[in-house]
């Protein structure tokens, strides 16, 4: 899933992982020449084999995340404005 996670104007990648839940790759390149590097400080408390989905679920202009997993459950992660 691609999204401007940190509001820096370029896209990052959120990827479901077999053993690490969700992994974030930030664009360390430019908007026109993307180059992605894993952000090892990014941690979410989600089960392995998770799949992320982002959207403005409550209409406040801020993205929320729903994470599904192979166990059939889902985790809703709300965001807060800074």
N, C-alpha and C. Protein backbone atom coordinates (compact mmCIF):
# COMPACT_ATOMS: atom_id res chain seq x y z
N UNK A 1 0.83 -1.15 0.00
CA UNK A 1 0.00 0.00 0.00
C UNK A 1 0.89 1.23 0.00
N UNK A 2 0.59 2.20 -0.87
CA UNK A 2 1.35 3.44 -0.95
C UNK A 2 0.53 4.56 -0.32
N UNK A 3 1.20 5.42 0.46
CA UNK A 3 0.54 6.56 1.07
C UNK A 3 1.60 7.55 1.54
N UNK A 4 1.21 8.81 1.66
CA UNK A 4 2.10 9.83 2.21
C UNK A 4 1.97 9.78 3.73
N UNK A 5 2.63 8.82 4.33
CA UNK A 5 2.52 8.53 5.75
C UNK A 5 2.95 9.71 6.62
N UNK A 6 4.05 10.34 6.27
CA UNK A 6 4.62 11.39 7.12
C UNK A 6 4.37 12.80 6.60
N UNK A 7 3.47 12.94 5.63
CA UNK A 7 3.08 14.25 5.09
C UNK A 7 4.27 15.05 4.56
N UNK A 8 5.25 14.35 3.94
CA UNK A 8 6.40 15.05 3.38
C UNK A 8 6.26 15.25 1.87
N UNK A 9 5.12 14.88 1.32
CA UNK A 9 4.85 15.12 -0.09
C UNK A 9 5.22 13.98 -1.02
N UNK A 10 5.83 12.91 -0.49
CA UNK A 10 6.11 11.75 -1.34
C UNK A 10 5.53 10.49 -0.70
N UNK A 11 5.44 9.45 -1.48
CA UNK A 11 4.79 8.23 -1.03
C UNK A 11 5.76 7.31 -0.30
N UNK A 12 5.25 6.64 0.70
CA UNK A 12 5.96 5.59 1.41
C UNK A 12 5.22 4.28 1.13
N UNK A 13 5.82 3.17 1.49
CA UNK A 13 5.20 1.86 1.29
C UNK A 13 4.96 1.20 2.64
N UNK A 14 3.76 0.72 2.85
CA UNK A 14 3.43 -0.14 3.99
C UNK A 14 3.23 -1.53 3.43
N UNK A 15 3.98 -2.48 3.96
CA UNK A 15 3.97 -3.83 3.41
C UNK A 15 3.70 -4.83 4.51
N UNK A 16 2.76 -5.74 4.26
CA UNK A 16 2.53 -6.84 5.18
C UNK A 16 3.68 -7.83 5.09
N UNK A 17 4.05 -8.40 6.23
CA UNK A 17 5.21 -9.28 6.29
C UNK A 17 4.81 -10.63 6.88
N UNK A 18 5.52 -11.67 6.48
CA UNK A 18 5.27 -13.01 7.02
C UNK A 18 5.49 -13.07 8.52
N UNK A 19 6.55 -12.44 8.98
CA UNK A 19 6.94 -12.62 10.38
C UNK A 19 7.07 -11.33 11.19
N UNK A 20 6.88 -10.16 10.56
CA UNK A 20 7.09 -8.90 11.29
C UNK A 20 5.87 -7.99 11.29
N UNK A 21 4.73 -8.48 10.92
CA UNK A 21 3.54 -7.63 10.89
C UNK A 21 3.59 -6.66 9.72
N UNK A 22 3.63 -5.36 9.99
CA UNK A 22 3.67 -4.33 8.95
C UNK A 22 5.05 -3.70 8.93
N UNK A 23 5.62 -3.55 7.74
CA UNK A 23 6.94 -2.94 7.57
C UNK A 23 6.75 -1.66 6.76
N UNK A 24 7.41 -0.58 7.19
CA UNK A 24 7.35 0.71 6.51
C UNK A 24 8.64 0.95 5.75
N UNK A 25 8.49 1.30 4.47
CA UNK A 25 9.62 1.72 3.65
C UNK A 25 9.39 3.18 3.26
N UNK A 26 10.29 4.06 3.69
CA UNK A 26 10.18 5.49 3.37
C UNK A 26 10.92 5.78 2.07
N UNK A 27 10.40 6.76 1.34
CA UNK A 27 11.06 7.21 0.12
C UNK A 27 12.22 8.11 0.51
N UNK A 28 13.42 7.64 0.27
CA UNK A 28 14.62 8.44 0.56
C UNK A 28 15.15 9.09 -0.72
N UNK A 29 14.42 8.91 -1.81
CA UNK A 29 14.75 9.54 -3.08
C UNK A 29 13.91 10.79 -3.26
N UNK A 30 13.44 10.99 -4.47
CA UNK A 30 12.60 12.14 -4.78
C UNK A 30 11.23 11.67 -5.23
N UNK A 31 10.32 12.61 -5.47
CA UNK A 31 9.00 12.24 -5.98
C UNK A 31 9.10 11.58 -7.34
N UNK A 32 10.03 12.04 -8.16
CA UNK A 32 10.14 11.52 -9.53
C UNK A 32 11.09 10.33 -9.63
N UNK A 33 12.02 10.20 -8.69
CA UNK A 33 12.94 9.06 -8.68
C UNK A 33 12.95 8.47 -7.27
N UNK A 34 11.92 7.67 -7.01
CA UNK A 34 11.76 7.09 -5.68
C UNK A 34 12.85 6.06 -5.40
N UNK A 35 13.28 6.03 -4.16
CA UNK A 35 14.22 5.02 -3.66
C UNK A 35 13.77 4.73 -2.23
N UNK A 36 13.44 3.49 -1.95
CA UNK A 36 12.84 3.14 -0.67
C UNK A 36 13.84 2.44 0.24
N UNK A 37 13.77 2.82 1.53
CA UNK A 37 14.60 2.20 2.55
C UNK A 37 13.71 1.87 3.74
N UNK A 38 13.94 0.72 4.35
CA UNK A 38 13.13 0.30 5.49
C UNK A 38 13.36 1.23 6.68
N UNK A 39 12.28 1.61 7.32
CA UNK A 39 12.34 2.41 8.55
C UNK A 39 12.30 1.42 9.71
N UNK A 40 13.44 1.11 10.26
CA UNK A 40 13.53 0.09 11.32
C UNK A 40 13.00 0.59 12.65
N UNK A 41 12.68 1.87 12.77
CA UNK A 41 12.11 2.41 14.02
C UNK A 41 10.58 2.30 14.03
N UNK A 42 9.98 1.98 12.89
CA UNK A 42 8.52 1.88 12.77
C UNK A 42 8.06 0.54 13.35
N UNK A 43 7.22 0.60 14.36
CA UNK A 43 6.71 -0.62 15.01
C UNK A 43 5.21 -0.49 15.24
N UNK A 44 4.49 -1.52 14.88
CA UNK A 44 3.05 -1.61 15.17
C UNK A 44 2.81 -2.94 15.88
N UNK A 45 1.93 -2.94 16.84
CA UNK A 45 1.59 -4.16 17.55
C UNK A 45 0.47 -4.88 16.80
N UNK A 46 0.85 -5.58 15.74
CA UNK A 46 -0.10 -6.34 14.94
C UNK A 46 0.46 -7.76 14.75
N UNK A 47 -0.42 -8.72 14.47
CA UNK A 47 0.04 -10.10 14.30
C UNK A 47 0.86 -10.27 13.02
N UNK A 48 1.66 -11.35 12.95
CA UNK A 48 2.33 -11.69 11.69
C UNK A 48 1.30 -11.94 10.59
N UNK A 49 1.72 -11.93 9.37
CA UNK A 49 0.86 -12.16 8.22
C UNK A 49 -0.29 -11.16 8.16
N UNK A 50 0.02 -9.90 8.45
CA UNK A 50 -0.98 -8.83 8.43
C UNK A 50 -0.97 -8.09 7.10
N UNK A 51 -2.10 -7.51 6.75
CA UNK A 51 -2.23 -6.74 5.52
C UNK A 51 -2.88 -5.39 5.85
N UNK A 52 -2.20 -4.27 5.53
CA UNK A 52 -2.72 -2.95 5.88
C UNK A 52 -3.66 -2.39 4.81
N UNK A 53 -4.59 -1.56 5.25
CA UNK A 53 -5.44 -0.76 4.37
C UNK A 53 -5.60 0.60 5.02
N UNK A 54 -5.43 1.67 4.25
CA UNK A 54 -5.53 3.04 4.77
C UNK A 54 -6.72 3.76 4.15
N UNK A 55 -7.31 4.64 4.93
CA UNK A 55 -8.39 5.48 4.41
C UNK A 55 -8.86 6.43 5.50
N UNK A 56 -9.52 7.49 5.09
CA UNK A 56 -10.11 8.43 6.04
C UNK A 56 -11.48 7.89 6.43
N UNK A 57 -11.51 7.03 7.41
CA UNK A 57 -12.72 6.30 7.76
C UNK A 57 -13.75 7.13 8.51
N UNK A 58 -13.30 8.17 9.21
CA UNK A 58 -14.24 8.98 9.99
C UNK A 58 -14.45 10.38 9.43
N UNK A 59 -13.90 10.66 8.25
CA UNK A 59 -14.15 11.93 7.56
C UNK A 59 -13.47 13.14 8.18
N UNK A 60 -12.40 12.92 8.98
CA UNK A 60 -11.73 14.06 9.62
C UNK A 60 -10.52 14.57 8.84
N UNK A 61 -10.26 13.99 7.66
CA UNK A 61 -9.13 14.42 6.85
C UNK A 61 -7.82 13.76 7.22
N UNK A 62 -7.84 12.82 8.18
CA UNK A 62 -6.65 12.12 8.61
C UNK A 62 -6.84 10.62 8.34
N UNK A 63 -5.79 9.99 7.82
CA UNK A 63 -5.87 8.57 7.49
C UNK A 63 -5.88 7.69 8.73
N UNK A 64 -6.73 6.67 8.71
CA UNK A 64 -6.71 5.61 9.70
C UNK A 64 -6.29 4.33 8.99
N UNK A 65 -5.90 3.32 9.78
CA UNK A 65 -5.46 2.06 9.20
C UNK A 65 -6.28 0.92 9.77
N UNK A 66 -6.67 0.01 8.90
CA UNK A 66 -7.25 -1.26 9.31
C UNK A 66 -6.27 -2.33 8.86
N UNK A 67 -5.97 -3.26 9.76
CA UNK A 67 -5.03 -4.33 9.47
C UNK A 67 -5.76 -5.65 9.61
N UNK A 68 -5.80 -6.40 8.52
CA UNK A 68 -6.39 -7.73 8.56
C UNK A 68 -5.29 -8.77 8.68
N UNK A 69 -5.66 -9.96 9.15
CA UNK A 69 -4.66 -11.02 9.25
C UNK A 69 -5.29 -12.37 8.94
N UNK A 70 -4.47 -13.38 8.84
CA UNK A 70 -4.95 -14.70 8.43
C UNK A 70 -5.86 -15.34 9.45
N UNK A 71 -5.84 -14.88 10.69
CA UNK A 71 -6.73 -15.42 11.71
C UNK A 71 -8.15 -14.94 11.56
N UNK A 72 -8.41 -14.04 10.59
CA UNK A 72 -9.75 -13.56 10.34
C UNK A 72 -10.11 -12.30 11.11
N UNK A 73 -9.22 -11.85 11.96
CA UNK A 73 -9.50 -10.65 12.74
C UNK A 73 -9.06 -9.39 12.01
N UNK A 74 -9.40 -8.27 12.59
CA UNK A 74 -8.98 -6.97 12.06
C UNK A 74 -8.64 -6.05 13.23
N UNK A 75 -7.66 -5.20 13.01
CA UNK A 75 -7.24 -4.22 14.00
C UNK A 75 -7.47 -2.84 13.40
N UNK A 76 -8.14 -1.96 14.14
CA UNK A 76 -8.38 -0.58 13.70
C UNK A 76 -7.40 0.32 14.43
N UNK A 77 -6.61 1.09 13.68
CA UNK A 77 -5.64 1.99 14.28
C UNK A 77 -6.02 3.41 13.92
N UNK A 78 -6.49 4.16 14.91
CA UNK A 78 -6.86 5.55 14.71
C UNK A 78 -5.61 6.41 14.78
N UNK A 79 -5.66 7.56 14.15
CA UNK A 79 -4.54 8.50 14.20
C UNK A 79 -4.98 9.75 14.94
N UNK A 80 -4.01 10.50 15.37
CA UNK A 80 -4.33 11.76 16.04
C UNK A 80 -3.59 12.88 15.33
N UNK A 81 -4.18 14.04 15.34
CA UNK A 81 -3.51 15.21 14.75
C UNK A 81 -2.44 15.71 15.69
N UNK A 82 -1.32 16.18 15.11
CA UNK A 82 -0.24 16.73 15.93
C UNK A 82 -0.27 18.21 15.86
